[in-house]
Amino acid sequence: MKLSNSFFYTIRDDIKDEDSKSGNLLVRSGMIKKEASGVYMFMPMGLRVKRKIENIIRDEMNKAGANEVLMPALIPSEIFHMSHRYDSFGSDMFKLNDRNDREFCLGPTHEELFVIAAKEKIKSYRDMPFNIYQIQDKFRDEARPRFGLIRTREFTMKDAYSFDTNDETGEISYQKMVTAYKNSFDRMGIDYRIVRADTGVMGGDLSEEFQAVTDIGEDVLVMCDSCDFGSNIEVAPVKAEEFDREDKKKKELIETPSVKSIEDVVKFLNIDIKKTVKTLVYNVDGEIIFALVKGDRDLNDTKLRKLLNAQSVEMATEEELKKVTDASFGFLGPIGVDVKIVIDNEVANMSNFVCGANKTGYHYINVNLNDFDVYMKGDIVNIREGDTCPHCGGKIYFKKGIEIGNTFKLGTKYSKALNLNYLDEENQLKSVYMGCYGIGVARCMAALAEQKADEHGLVWPISVAPFTVCITVINIKDEIQNKIALELYDEFNKQGIDVLLDDRDERAGVKFKDAELIGIPYRVTVGKKASEGILEIKSRDGKIDSEISKDKIVEEIKNYL
């Protein structure tokens, strides 16, 4: 590619409406352009990066034995009704009606279509296992698109689906995909962690996320300083704190005027916060639930939803609270109220604690579990930095991450919903066991930009860089410089090395800054010493910066590669 006659541009100033380093640099470098909130064009340079990421993924998927297909983006809405996911997606799904008033949607995901496709093949146990995948755009009406390519309304995803007779062979298929993912991200040069995650709207038995470690990540990654434990904070198990057993005392009502927060209670009663319990009020599938956690803990909505096997968990409003108690927020407790009480495991270990009295201006002291009815107990709080690792006893610390891939053991959720069955060896009808595997292609691109960029611009790994080498001609009016540059350009192309020739009529400083901004791994400068057969070679990471004979430059680059 010669820049003098190509569609190429860069932007000098930071982009005002980009809220991430990657979004800012990708727009400034002319890789992408925002068309609307969460909607981006991919320009020639950016598309080359995106395609290289896709090809790495495609290569590893093919090596793992998966077959590529392509599903339609336009999907009849009744398909999502069949799997009972239409309401789950709700307003996130783009919907439209055709001229016959039949409702369609732009595919937010494609599990249902892959099941329909698999029905064409699967009749008996002999027809499995197999894996099919696609690389295609998805559409979700994100309420708040942000961070450039990290959260968008239209995004490219590689999604794959494995089909097996049971969970044992399904585990083999699952591990093949995990290996393919590791290979893919390793080849891209991404710093990532594998963590357990919530299955969410996908459902199934297990979900693991591949998280790129960055400072701007949307997700909180829970790590251990002593073992390889990793989890998304949404599902990270908390090792409940143990407390010294005390003789139970009789509860006592105490007036606590204008004391609303846990901190106020601690200060007013001059007690340790670990002796307090706070009561949180939730609307769970239309029913008001009181959830009790230790005073210094935060409740985890995801864990509460899973414990109660609920579809929806939301904080209750003041109007909803008034239906069960006259007390105001800050004075709520489990005693004397006719609602289901859910307690965290740590609360179950406590005795003689302080909680609200369901009477504004009052709290109870010396409360114990026999003072109220417990509907259910479980792990419903967020893990914290410094907590004990649930696996080894080490200490927990946090990192931020961008989810770039996920794997799900779907089990028979979709096969049962859509009647994907097979006849086993005994001629009995069974449901097919499925796995699902996704990679966000553009998210990989954004993650690399976040992880590798420096103060000068992008720094692409060779495997995904739009070009491997940039030949910069200092003076395009110098015949010798032009001749050498063109000879090198042709030779790199013959050797199969992606090469960019900056033959624009621009100042050298502009060309150098552009090469740094777009992140080409190696820059060969054809300048004043070209007449002596001497060129300059510099790597984008700063490890190489030297002069070299023009006759050795191609072999030198090949050695680096």
Protein backbone atom coordinates (compact mmCIF):
# COMPACT_ATOMS: atom_id res chain seq x y z
CA MET A 1 0.00 0.00 0.00
CA LYS A 2 1.37 3.38 -1.05
CA LEU A 3 0.06 6.25 1.04
CA SER A 4 0.34 8.85 -1.74
CA ASN A 5 -2.68 7.39 -3.54
CA SER A 6 -4.52 5.70 -0.67
CA PHE A 7 -7.41 6.61 1.60
CA PHE A 8 -5.41 7.51 4.66
CA TYR A 9 -5.65 10.23 7.27
CA THR A 10 -4.81 10.90 10.92
CA ILE A 11 -6.11 13.40 13.46
CA ARG A 12 -3.68 15.42 15.55
CA ASP A 13 -5.90 16.38 18.50
CA ASP A 14 -7.64 14.15 21.04
CA ILE A 15 -11.23 13.22 20.24
CA LYS A 16 -13.62 14.98 22.62
CA ASP A 17 -16.42 12.40 22.62
CA GLU A 18 -14.21 9.32 23.13
CA ASP A 19 -14.04 8.23 26.78
CA SER A 20 -11.24 5.67 26.53
CA LYS A 21 -7.61 5.59 25.46
CA SER A 22 -8.32 2.94 22.84
CA GLY A 23 -11.31 4.79 21.37
CA ASN A 24 -9.35 8.02 21.19
CA LEU A 25 -6.30 6.47 19.52
CA LEU A 26 -8.26 4.29 17.10
CA VAL A 27 -10.21 7.32 15.87
CA ARG A 28 -7.17 9.61 15.78
CA SER A 29 -5.15 7.06 13.82
CA GLY A 30 -7.88 6.78 11.18
CA MET A 31 -8.60 3.16 12.08
CA ILE A 32 -12.28 3.80 12.88
CA LYS A 33 -14.78 6.66 12.76
CA LYS A 34 -17.84 7.10 14.95
CA GLU A 35 -21.03 7.31 12.92
CA ALA A 36 -23.41 7.38 15.89
CA SER A 37 -23.23 6.46 19.57
CA GLY A 38 -22.01 2.86 19.64
CA VAL A 39 -21.77 2.63 15.83
CA TYR A 40 -18.42 2.81 14.04
CA MET A 41 -17.03 2.70 10.50
CA PHE A 42 -13.88 0.65 9.97
CA MET A 43 -11.40 2.45 7.73
CA PRO A 44 -8.72 0.66 5.65
CA MET A 45 -6.08 0.49 8.42
CA GLY A 46 -8.55 -0.54 11.08
CA LEU A 47 -10.19 -3.11 8.85
CA ARG A 48 -6.81 -4.73 8.21
CA VAL A 49 -6.28 -5.11 11.97
CA LYS A 50 -9.79 -6.48 12.40
CA ARG A 51 -9.34 -8.97 9.56
CA LYS A 52 -6.03 -10.21 10.99
CA ILE A 53 -7.69 -10.83 14.34
CA GLU A 54 -10.51 -12.68 12.57
CA ASN A 55 -8.05 -14.80 10.62
CA ILE A 56 -6.16 -15.83 13.78
CA ILE A 57 -9.45 -16.89 15.36
CA ARG A 58 -10.58 -18.65 12.19
CA ASP A 59 -7.30 -20.54 11.92
CA GLU A 60 -7.49 -21.79 15.52
CA MET A 61 -11.15 -22.73 15.18
CA ASN A 62 -10.41 -24.71 12.04
CA LYS A 63 -7.48 -26.44 13.72
CA ALA A 64 -9.84 -27.46 16.54
CA GLY A 65 -12.09 -29.16 13.98
CA ALA A 66 -14.89 -26.59 13.84
CA ASN A 67 -16.71 -25.82 10.56
CA GLU A 68 -17.50 -22.25 9.55
CA VAL A 69 -21.04 -21.20 8.60
CA LEU A 70 -22.84 -17.86 8.25
CA MET A 71 -26.22 -17.15 9.79
CA PRO A 72 -28.58 -14.32 8.80
CA ALA A 73 -28.54 -11.13 10.85
CA LEU A 74 -32.30 -10.70 10.28
CA ILE A 75 -34.19 -13.21 12.43
CA PRO A 76 -37.96 -13.84 12.79
CA SER A 77 -38.91 -12.84 16.34
CA GLU A 78 -40.95 -16.00 16.92
CA ILE A 79 -37.70 -17.96 17.10
CA PHE A 80 -36.82 -16.15 20.32
CA HIS A 81 -40.32 -16.81 21.64
CA MET A 82 -39.71 -20.53 21.08
CA SER A 83 -36.66 -20.45 23.35
CA HIS A 84 -38.41 -18.13 25.86
CA ARG A 85 -35.70 -15.48 25.45
CA TYR A 86 -37.73 -12.77 23.72
CA ASP A 87 -38.68 -11.12 27.01
CA SER A 88 -35.21 -11.64 28.48
CA PHE A 89 -33.63 -9.49 25.79
CA GLY A 90 -36.41 -6.90 26.08
CA SER A 91 -35.40 -3.42 24.93
CA ASP A 92 -31.84 -4.57 24.12
CA MET A 93 -33.13 -6.17 20.93
CA PHE A 94 -33.57 -4.14 17.72
CA LYS A 95 -36.99 -5.02 16.26
CA LEU A 96 -38.72 -4.20 13.00
CA ASN A 97 -41.74 -5.30 11.00
CA ASP A 98 -41.75 -6.28 7.32
CA ARG A 99 -44.38 -5.19 4.77
CA ASN A 100 -46.59 -8.08 5.91
CA ASP A 101 -46.35 -6.87 9.53
CA ARG A 102 -44.29 -9.90 10.57
CA GLU A 103 -41.87 -8.97 13.34
CA PHE A 104 -38.15 -9.53 12.87
CA CYS A 105 -35.14 -8.59 14.95
CA LEU A 106 -31.50 -7.90 14.26
CA GLY A 107 -29.71 -10.86 15.81
CA PRO A 108 -28.35 -10.10 19.29
CA THR A 109 -27.07 -13.70 19.36
CA HIS A 110 -27.64 -16.88 17.36
CA GLU A 111 -28.09 -19.92 19.64
CA GLU A 112 -31.55 -20.63 18.27
CA LEU A 113 -30.47 -20.56 14.62
CA PHE A 114 -27.56 -22.88 15.28
CA VAL A 115 -29.94 -25.34 16.92
CA ILE A 116 -32.25 -25.14 13.91
CA ALA A 117 -29.26 -25.78 11.62
CA ALA A 118 -28.07 -28.71 13.74
CA LYS A 119 -31.48 -30.38 13.36
CA GLU A 120 -30.67 -30.93 9.70
CA LYS A 121 -27.86 -33.29 10.67
CA ILE A 122 -28.63 -34.77 14.07
CA LYS A 123 -30.81 -37.86 14.06
CA SER A 124 -28.82 -40.34 16.13
CA TYR A 125 -25.85 -40.50 18.48
CA ARG A 126 -23.66 -41.34 15.47
CA ASP A 127 -24.13 -37.80 14.13
CA MET A 128 -22.12 -36.21 16.95
CA PRO A 129 -19.90 -34.64 18.12
CA PHE A 130 -19.36 -31.63 15.86
CA ASN A 131 -18.79 -27.89 16.18
CA ILE A 132 -19.96 -25.08 13.88
CA TYR A 133 -19.08 -21.40 14.11
CA GLN A 134 -19.44 -18.06 12.38
CA ILE A 135 -17.82 -14.61 12.43
CA GLN A 136 -20.63 -12.12 12.05
CA ASP A 137 -22.10 -8.86 13.32
CA LYS A 138 -24.47 -8.76 16.28
CA PHE A 139 -26.85 -5.95 17.24
CA ARG A 140 -27.87 -4.85 20.72
CA ASP A 141 -29.48 -1.56 21.68
CA GLU A 142 -27.09 -0.75 24.49
CA ALA A 143 -28.52 1.82 26.90
CA ARG A 144 -25.11 3.47 27.30
CA PRO A 145 -22.55 2.64 24.61
CA ARG A 146 -19.08 3.63 25.82
CA PHE A 147 -15.34 3.09 25.69
CA GLY A 148 -15.05 3.10 21.91
CA LEU A 149 -15.22 -0.45 20.54
CA ILE A 150 -15.60 -2.00 23.99
CA ARG A 151 -19.36 -1.50 24.27
CA THR A 152 -21.17 -0.81 21.00
CA ARG A 153 -24.56 -1.33 19.39
CA GLU A 154 -23.16 -3.24 16.42
CA PHE A 155 -20.20 -5.55 16.95
CA THR A 156 -18.48 -8.47 15.27
CA MET A 157 -18.44 -11.74 17.18
CA LYS A 158 -17.10 -15.18 16.58
CA ASP A 159 -19.70 -17.53 18.03
CA ALA A 160 -19.36 -21.30 18.00
CA TYR A 161 -21.57 -24.15 19.19
CA SER A 162 -20.65 -27.72 20.01
CA PHE A 163 -23.13 -30.59 19.88
CA ASP A 164 -22.60 -33.76 21.92
CA THR A 165 -24.51 -36.74 23.23
CA ASN A 166 -23.74 -36.09 26.91
CA ASP A 167 -21.75 -34.00 29.36
CA GLU A 168 -18.70 -36.30 29.19
CA THR A 169 -18.09 -35.83 25.48
CA GLY A 170 -19.31 -32.26 25.91
CA GLU A 171 -16.42 -31.65 28.30
CA ILE A 172 -13.97 -32.81 25.62
CA SER A 173 -15.50 -30.38 23.12
CA TYR A 174 -15.43 -27.62 25.72
CA GLN A 175 -11.74 -28.10 26.47
CA LYS A 176 -10.90 -28.05 22.74
CA MET A 177 -12.47 -24.60 22.54
CA VAL A 178 -10.66 -23.39 25.66
CA THR A 179 -7.38 -24.45 24.03
CA ALA A 180 -8.32 -22.72 20.77
CA TYR A 181 -9.09 -19.55 22.72
CA LYS A 182 -5.81 -19.63 24.58
CA ASN A 183 -3.94 -20.11 21.31
CA SER A 184 -5.87 -17.27 19.66
CA PHE A 185 -5.27 -14.73 22.41
CA ASP A 186 -1.64 -15.79 22.80
CA ARG A 187 -1.06 -15.23 19.08
CA MET A 188 -2.70 -11.80 19.30
CA GLY A 189 -0.40 -10.87 22.18
CA ILE A 190 -3.19 -10.07 24.65
CA ASP A 191 -2.54 -10.19 28.41
CA TYR A 192 -5.61 -12.07 29.65
CA ARG A 193 -7.01 -14.08 32.56
CA ILE A 194 -9.64 -16.85 32.62
CA VAL A 195 -12.29 -16.30 35.29
CA ARG A 196 -15.59 -17.88 36.29
CA ALA A 197 -18.63 -15.78 35.46
CA ASP A 198 -22.41 -15.54 35.67
CA THR A 199 -24.25 -17.47 32.94
CA GLY A 200 -26.73 -14.58 32.68
CA VAL A 201 -29.27 -14.56 29.86
CA MET A 202 -27.37 -17.40 28.15
CA GLY A 203 -28.15 -19.83 30.96
CA GLY A 204 -26.50 -23.21 31.25
CA ASP A 205 -24.26 -24.96 33.76
CA LEU A 206 -20.98 -23.02 33.58
CA SER A 207 -19.59 -19.81 32.17
CA GLU A 208 -15.96 -18.75 31.98
CA GLU A 209 -14.69 -15.43 30.70
CA PHE A 210 -11.43 -14.54 29.00
CA GLN A 211 -10.65 -11.10 30.38
CA ALA A 212 -8.03 -8.73 28.96
CA VAL A 213 -6.39 -7.00 31.93
CA THR A 214 -6.59 -3.22 31.51
CA ASP A 215 -7.04 -0.09 33.61
CA ILE A 216 -10.33 0.81 31.94
CA GLY A 217 -12.05 -2.56 32.02
CA GLU A 218 -15.77 -2.67 32.79
CA ASP A 219 -15.44 -5.86 34.83
CA VAL A 220 -13.79 -6.37 38.21
CA LEU A 221 -11.54 -9.44 38.17
CA VAL A 222 -10.99 -11.22 41.46
CA MET A 223 -7.51 -12.73 41.75
CA CYS A 224 -5.52 -14.54 44.45
CA ASP A 225 -1.93 -13.69 45.38
CA SER A 226 -1.13 -17.34 46.13
CA CYS A 227 -2.97 -19.52 43.58
CA ASP A 228 -4.50 -19.34 40.11
CA PHE A 229 -8.02 -18.57 41.37
CA GLY A 230 -9.84 -16.11 39.13
CA SER A 231 -13.43 -14.97 39.00
CA ASN A 232 -15.66 -12.15 37.89
CA ILE A 233 -16.76 -10.26 41.00
CA GLU A 234 -20.38 -11.09 40.13
CA VAL A 235 -19.89 -14.75 41.06
CA ALA A 236 -16.74 -14.80 43.21
CA PRO A 237 -17.51 -16.92 46.29
CA VAL A 238 -16.91 -15.32 49.68
CA LYS A 239 -15.39 -17.33 52.49
CA ALA A 240 -17.68 -16.36 55.38
CA GLU A 241 -15.94 -14.85 58.36
CA GLU A 242 -16.13 -16.84 61.59
CA PHE A 243 -16.90 -15.09 64.89
CA ASP A 244 -16.35 -15.98 68.53
CA ARG A 245 -19.45 -17.62 69.93
CA GLU A 246 -21.22 -15.59 72.58
CA ASP A 247 -23.99 -16.46 75.02
CA LYS A 248 -27.20 -15.21 73.53
CA LYS A 249 -28.60 -12.09 75.12
CA LYS A 250 -32.13 -10.79 75.07
CA LYS A 251 -32.83 -8.30 72.32
CA GLU A 252 -33.40 -4.72 73.44
CA LEU A 253 -35.06 -1.80 71.67
CA ILE A 254 -32.85 1.31 71.63
CA GLU A 255 -33.85 4.79 70.51
CA THR A 256 -31.51 5.99 67.77
CA PRO A 257 -32.79 9.39 66.62
CA SER A 258 -31.48 10.63 63.24
CA VAL A 259 -29.24 7.56 62.94
CA LYS A 260 -29.77 6.16 59.44
CA SER A 261 -26.53 4.76 58.02
CA ILE A 262 -24.43 1.89 59.36
CA GLU A 263 -21.65 4.39 60.04
CA ASP A 264 -24.07 6.49 62.11
CA VAL A 265 -25.14 3.41 64.10
CA VAL A 266 -21.52 2.42 64.78
CA LYS A 267 -20.67 5.93 65.98
CA PHE A 268 -23.86 6.37 68.04
CA LEU A 269 -23.58 3.01 69.85
CA ASN A 270 -19.76 3.01 69.91
CA ILE A 271 -19.53 -0.55 68.53
CA ASP A 272 -17.53 -2.47 65.92
CA ILE A 273 -19.15 -2.41 62.48
CA LYS A 274 -18.80 -6.20 62.44
CA LYS A 275 -21.50 -6.28 65.14
CA THR A 276 -24.04 -4.66 62.81
CA VAL A 277 -26.37 -6.10 60.20
CA LYS A 278 -27.96 -4.00 57.49
CA THR A 279 -31.28 -4.82 55.86
CA LEU A 280 -31.72 -4.23 52.15
CA VAL A 281 -35.11 -4.32 50.45
CA TYR A 282 -35.54 -5.87 47.00
CA ASN A 283 -38.33 -6.46 44.57
CA VAL A 284 -37.74 -10.04 43.43
CA ASP A 285 -40.04 -11.04 40.58
CA GLY A 286 -42.72 -8.76 42.03
CA GLU A 287 -42.31 -9.88 45.66
CA ILE A 288 -40.69 -7.77 48.39
CA ILE A 289 -37.73 -9.53 50.03
CA PHE A 290 -35.56 -8.39 52.95
CA ALA A 291 -31.88 -9.31 52.51
CA LEU A 292 -29.54 -9.18 55.52
CA VAL A 293 -25.77 -8.72 55.23
CA LYS A 294 -23.02 -7.84 57.68
CA GLY A 295 -22.71 -4.08 58.11
CA ASP A 296 -19.41 -3.77 56.26
CA ARG A 297 -20.50 -5.87 53.28
CA ASP A 298 -22.19 -4.98 49.97
CA LEU A 299 -24.97 -7.17 48.62
CA ASN A 300 -24.40 -8.89 45.27
CA ASP A 301 -27.55 -8.70 43.11
CA THR A 302 -26.42 -11.54 40.85
CA LYS A 303 -25.86 -13.93 43.74
CA LEU A 304 -29.23 -13.02 45.27
CA ARG A 305 -30.97 -13.66 41.95
CA LYS A 306 -29.31 -17.04 41.54
CA LEU A 307 -29.97 -18.06 45.17
CA LEU A 308 -33.68 -17.29 44.74
CA ASN A 309 -33.77 -18.66 41.17
CA ALA A 310 -35.32 -15.36 40.13
CA GLN A 311 -35.63 -13.59 36.80
CA SER A 312 -35.57 -10.01 38.12
CA VAL A 313 -33.95 -8.49 41.22
CA GLU A 314 -34.25 -4.74 41.77
CA MET A 315 -33.97 -2.40 44.75
CA ALA A 316 -37.43 -1.69 46.14
CA THR A 317 -38.89 1.82 45.89
CA GLU A 318 -40.21 3.83 48.84
CA GLU A 319 -43.75 3.13 47.66
CA GLU A 320 -43.08 -0.61 47.63
CA LEU A 321 -41.47 -0.43 51.08
CA LYS A 322 -44.55 1.27 52.55
CA LYS A 323 -46.62 -1.80 51.67
CA VAL A 324 -44.72 -3.91 54.22
CA THR A 325 -43.57 -1.46 56.93
CA ASP A 326 -44.07 2.12 58.13
CA ALA A 327 -40.36 2.44 58.92
CA SER A 328 -38.13 4.49 56.67
CA PHE A 329 -34.90 3.36 55.03
CA GLY A 330 -32.12 3.22 57.62
CA PHE A 331 -34.28 1.67 60.33
CA LEU A 332 -35.27 -1.58 58.62
CA GLY A 333 -34.75 -4.99 60.16
CA PRO A 334 -36.00 -8.59 60.12
CA ILE A 335 -38.14 -8.42 63.28
CA GLY A 336 -41.88 -7.79 63.13
CA VAL A 337 -42.27 -7.68 59.37
CA ASP A 338 -44.24 -10.11 57.22
CA VAL A 339 -41.81 -10.70 54.34
CA LYS A 340 -39.35 -13.41 53.40
CA ILE A 341 -35.97 -12.91 55.08
CA VAL A 342 -32.81 -13.94 53.20
CA ILE A 343 -29.53 -13.80 55.11
CA ASP A 344 -25.90 -13.99 54.05
CA ASN A 345 -23.74 -16.83 55.35
CA GLU A 346 -21.78 -14.42 57.54
CA VAL A 347 -24.96 -13.22 59.26
CA ALA A 348 -25.68 -16.87 60.10
CA ASN A 349 -22.38 -16.90 62.06
CA MET A 350 -23.21 -13.78 64.07
CA SER A 351 -24.75 -13.37 67.50
CA ASN A 352 -25.95 -10.42 69.59
CA PHE A 353 -25.87 -8.07 66.62
CA VAL A 354 -27.48 -4.70 65.97
CA CYS A 355 -30.11 -4.11 63.30
CA GLY A 356 -33.01 -1.82 62.49
CA ALA A 357 -36.23 -2.21 64.47
CA ASN A 358 -38.71 -1.48 61.66
CA LYS A 359 -39.59 1.62 63.60
CA THR A 360 -38.23 4.96 62.51
CA GLY A 361 -35.73 6.26 65.07
CA TYR A 362 -35.09 2.87 66.69
CA HIS A 363 -32.70 -0.09 66.48
CA TYR A 364 -32.48 -3.44 68.24
CA ILE A 365 -29.33 -4.58 70.01
CA ASN A 366 -28.47 -8.19 70.96
CA VAL A 367 -30.43 -9.71 68.08
CA ASN A 368 -29.98 -13.40 67.26
CA LEU A 369 -31.27 -15.71 64.55
CA ASN A 370 -33.96 -17.17 66.80
CA ASP A 371 -35.56 -13.71 66.98
CA PHE A 372 -36.94 -13.96 63.42
CA ASP A 373 -37.73 -16.48 60.70
CA VAL A 374 -35.10 -17.09 58.03
CA TYR A 375 -36.48 -18.02 54.64
CA MET A 376 -33.12 -18.81 53.05
CA LYS A 377 -29.42 -18.30 53.61
CA GLY A 378 -26.48 -18.26 51.23
CA ASP A 379 -23.51 -16.34 49.85
CA ILE A 380 -25.10 -13.06 48.68
CA VAL A 381 -22.30 -10.49 49.18
CA ASN A 382 -19.45 -9.09 47.10
CA ILE A 383 -15.95 -10.31 47.77
CA ARG A 384 -13.46 -7.57 48.77
CA GLU A 385 -9.77 -6.97 48.32
CA GLY A 386 -7.92 -8.48 51.25
CA ASP A 387 -10.53 -11.21 51.78
CA THR A 388 -9.38 -14.79 52.19
CA CYS A 389 -9.19 -16.75 48.94
CA PRO A 390 -11.99 -19.37 48.92
CA HIS A 391 -9.60 -21.92 47.38
CA CYS A 392 -6.26 -21.66 49.15
CA GLY A 393 -6.42 -19.14 51.98
CA GLY A 394 -4.33 -16.54 50.16
CA LYS A 395 -5.30 -12.88 49.88
CA ILE A 396 -7.68 -11.52 47.26
CA TYR A 397 -6.80 -8.58 45.02
CA PHE A 398 -8.67 -6.92 42.15
CA LYS A 399 -7.85 -6.12 38.55
CA LYS A 400 -10.01 -4.51 35.88
CA GLY A 401 -10.74 -6.39 32.69
CA ILE A 402 -12.35 -6.22 29.27
CA GLU A 403 -14.30 -9.37 28.44
CA ILE A 404 -12.91 -10.53 25.08
CA GLY A 405 -14.23 -14.08 25.06
CA ASN A 406 -16.57 -16.39 26.92
CA THR A 407 -17.36 -20.08 27.03
CA PHE A 408 -20.61 -21.65 28.22
CA LYS A 409 -21.64 -25.17 29.03
CA LEU A 410 -25.22 -24.79 27.89
CA GLY A 411 -26.23 -28.34 28.67
CA THR A 412 -29.68 -29.13 27.27
CA LYS A 413 -31.33 -25.72 27.81
CA TYR A 414 -31.73 -24.83 24.14
CA SER A 415 -32.04 -28.35 22.79
CA LYS A 416 -35.01 -28.99 25.09
CA ALA A 417 -36.63 -25.65 24.27
CA LEU A 418 -36.26 -26.22 20.52
CA ASN A 419 -36.67 -30.03 20.47
CA LEU A 420 -33.16 -30.89 19.33
CA ASN A 421 -33.08 -34.61 20.12
CA TYR A 422 -31.27 -37.76 19.04
CA LEU A 423 -31.75 -41.52 19.36
CA ASP A 424 -29.18 -43.15 21.63
CA GLU A 425 -27.69 -46.65 21.39
CA GLU A 426 -30.83 -48.11 22.97
CA ASN A 427 -33.12 -46.21 20.58
CA GLN A 428 -34.20 -43.83 23.35
CA LEU A 429 -34.87 -40.17 22.57
CA LYS A 430 -32.42 -37.84 24.33
CA SER A 431 -31.73 -34.09 24.32
CA VAL A 432 -28.49 -32.94 22.71
CA TYR A 433 -25.79 -31.52 25.03
CA MET A 434 -24.51 -28.13 23.82
CA GLY A 435 -21.64 -25.73 24.41
CA CYS A 436 -21.38 -22.11 23.29
CA TYR A 437 -18.22 -20.07 22.70
CA GLY A 438 -17.88 -16.38 21.80
CA ILE A 439 -15.06 -13.96 21.01
CA GLY A 440 -15.55 -10.22 20.56
CA VAL A 441 -13.36 -9.38 17.56
CA ALA A 442 -13.43 -5.59 17.90
CA ARG A 443 -13.04 -5.91 21.66
CA CYS A 444 -9.76 -7.75 21.06
CA MET A 445 -8.68 -4.81 18.94
CA ALA A 446 -9.66 -2.33 21.66
CA ALA A 447 -8.01 -4.42 24.38
CA LEU A 448 -4.71 -4.47 22.49
CA ALA A 449 -4.93 -0.71 22.00
CA GLU A 450 -5.51 -0.25 25.74
CA GLN A 451 -2.70 -2.60 26.76
CA LYS A 452 0.02 -1.76 24.24
CA ALA A 453 -0.32 1.95 23.45
CA ASP A 454 2.17 4.52 24.67
CA GLU A 455 2.31 8.32 24.71
CA HIS A 456 2.96 8.40 20.95
CA GLY A 457 0.12 6.18 19.80
CA LEU A 458 -0.74 2.56 19.07
CA VAL A 459 1.78 -0.27 19.36
CA TRP A 460 0.43 -3.30 17.52
CA PRO A 461 1.91 -6.78 17.91
CA ILE A 462 3.23 -8.06 14.58
CA SER A 463 0.47 -10.68 14.34
CA VAL A 464 -2.32 -8.08 14.09
CA ALA A 465 -0.57 -4.91 12.86
CA PRO A 466 -2.10 -3.44 9.70
CA PHE A 467 1.38 -3.55 8.15
CA THR A 468 4.60 -5.06 9.42
CA VAL A 469 6.97 -2.51 7.90
CA CYS A 470 6.60 1.16 7.04
CA ILE A 471 9.10 2.54 4.52
CA THR A 472 9.39 6.28 5.05
CA VAL A 473 10.88 8.37 2.24
CA ILE A 474 12.32 11.57 3.65
CA ASN A 475 12.52 13.47 0.35
CA ILE A 476 10.24 12.19 -2.39
CA LYS A 477 11.96 14.49 -4.89
CA ASP A 478 15.26 12.69 -4.38
CA GLU A 479 15.57 10.10 -7.18
CA ILE A 480 17.95 7.83 -5.24
CA GLN A 481 15.67 7.75 -2.16
CA ASN A 482 12.63 7.01 -4.31
CA LYS A 483 14.42 4.29 -6.27
CA ILE A 484 15.67 2.48 -3.14
CA ALA A 485 12.28 2.82 -1.44
CA LEU A 486 10.44 1.30 -4.42
CA GLU A 487 12.95 -1.54 -4.71
CA LEU A 488 12.52 -2.34 -1.01
CA TYR A 489 8.73 -2.07 -1.35
CA ASP A 490 8.72 -4.61 -4.18
CA GLU A 491 11.08 -6.97 -2.35
CA PHE A 492 9.04 -6.95 0.86
CA ASN A 493 5.93 -7.73 -1.15
CA LYS A 494 7.70 -10.62 -2.90
CA GLN A 495 8.70 -12.00 0.51
CA GLY A 496 5.07 -11.87 1.67
CA ILE A 497 5.76 -9.17 4.27
CA ASP A 498 3.01 -6.57 4.65
CA VAL A 499 4.64 -3.29 3.73
CA LEU A 500 3.46 0.31 3.73
CA LEU A 501 5.25 2.95 1.63
CA ASP A 502 4.92 6.49 2.93
CA ASP A 503 5.65 8.39 -0.25
CA ARG A 504 3.53 11.42 0.60
CA ASP A 505 4.78 14.93 0.00
CA GLU A 506 4.92 15.70 3.71
CA ARG A 507 7.57 16.77 6.19
CA ALA A 508 9.59 13.96 7.76
CA GLY A 509 8.26 14.82 11.21
CA VAL A 510 4.66 14.36 10.05
CA LYS A 511 5.48 10.98 8.55
CA PHE A 512 7.30 9.80 11.67
CA LYS A 513 4.43 10.87 13.94
CA ASP A 514 1.89 9.12 11.73
CA ALA A 515 3.92 5.90 11.72
CA GLU A 516 4.08 6.01 15.51
CA LEU A 517 0.38 6.84 15.85
CA ILE A 518 -0.80 3.93 13.68
CA GLY A 519 1.63 1.57 15.42
CA ILE A 520 3.54 -0.15 12.60
CA PRO A 521 6.07 -2.56 14.26
CA TYR A 522 9.10 -1.58 12.09
CA ARG A 523 9.95 1.65 10.30
CA VAL A 524 12.64 1.79 7.63
CA THR A 525 13.75 5.34 6.89
CA VAL A 526 15.21 6.14 3.48
CA GLY A 527 17.02 9.43 4.03
CA LYS A 528 20.19 11.38 3.34
CA LYS A 529 22.51 8.37 3.65
CA ALA A 530 20.56 6.41 1.05
CA SER A 531 23.11 7.48 -1.57
CA GLU A 532 25.71 5.63 0.54
CA GLY A 533 23.47 2.56 0.76
CA ILE A 534 22.70 3.23 4.46
CA LEU A 535 19.18 3.19 5.85
CA GLU A 536 17.72 3.51 9.35
CA ILE A 537 15.60 0.85 11.03
CA LYS A 538 13.55 1.47 14.15
CA SER A 539 11.08 -0.74 15.97
CA ARG A 540 7.88 0.76 17.36
CA ASP A 541 8.60 -0.66 20.82
CA GLY A 542 11.91 1.22 20.92
CA LYS A 543 14.11 -1.86 21.25
CA ILE A 544 15.73 -1.38 17.82
CA ASP A 545 17.12 1.91 16.51
CA SER A 546 20.13 1.58 14.21
CA GLU A 547 21.61 2.10 10.76
CA ILE A 548 21.89 -0.78 8.31
CA SER A 549 22.93 -1.51 4.75
CA LYS A 550 20.05 -1.40 2.26
CA ASP A 551 21.11 -4.83 0.98
CA LYS A 552 20.59 -6.40 4.42
CA ILE A 553 17.36 -4.72 5.46
CA VAL A 554 14.91 -7.34 4.14
CA GLU A 555 16.80 -10.25 5.70
CA GLU A 556 17.12 -8.30 8.94
CA ILE A 557 13.33 -7.79 9.12
CA LYS A 558 12.79 -11.45 8.31
CA ASN A 559 15.08 -12.38 11.20
CA TYR A 560 13.07 -10.17 13.54
CA LEU A 561 9.89 -11.87 12.41
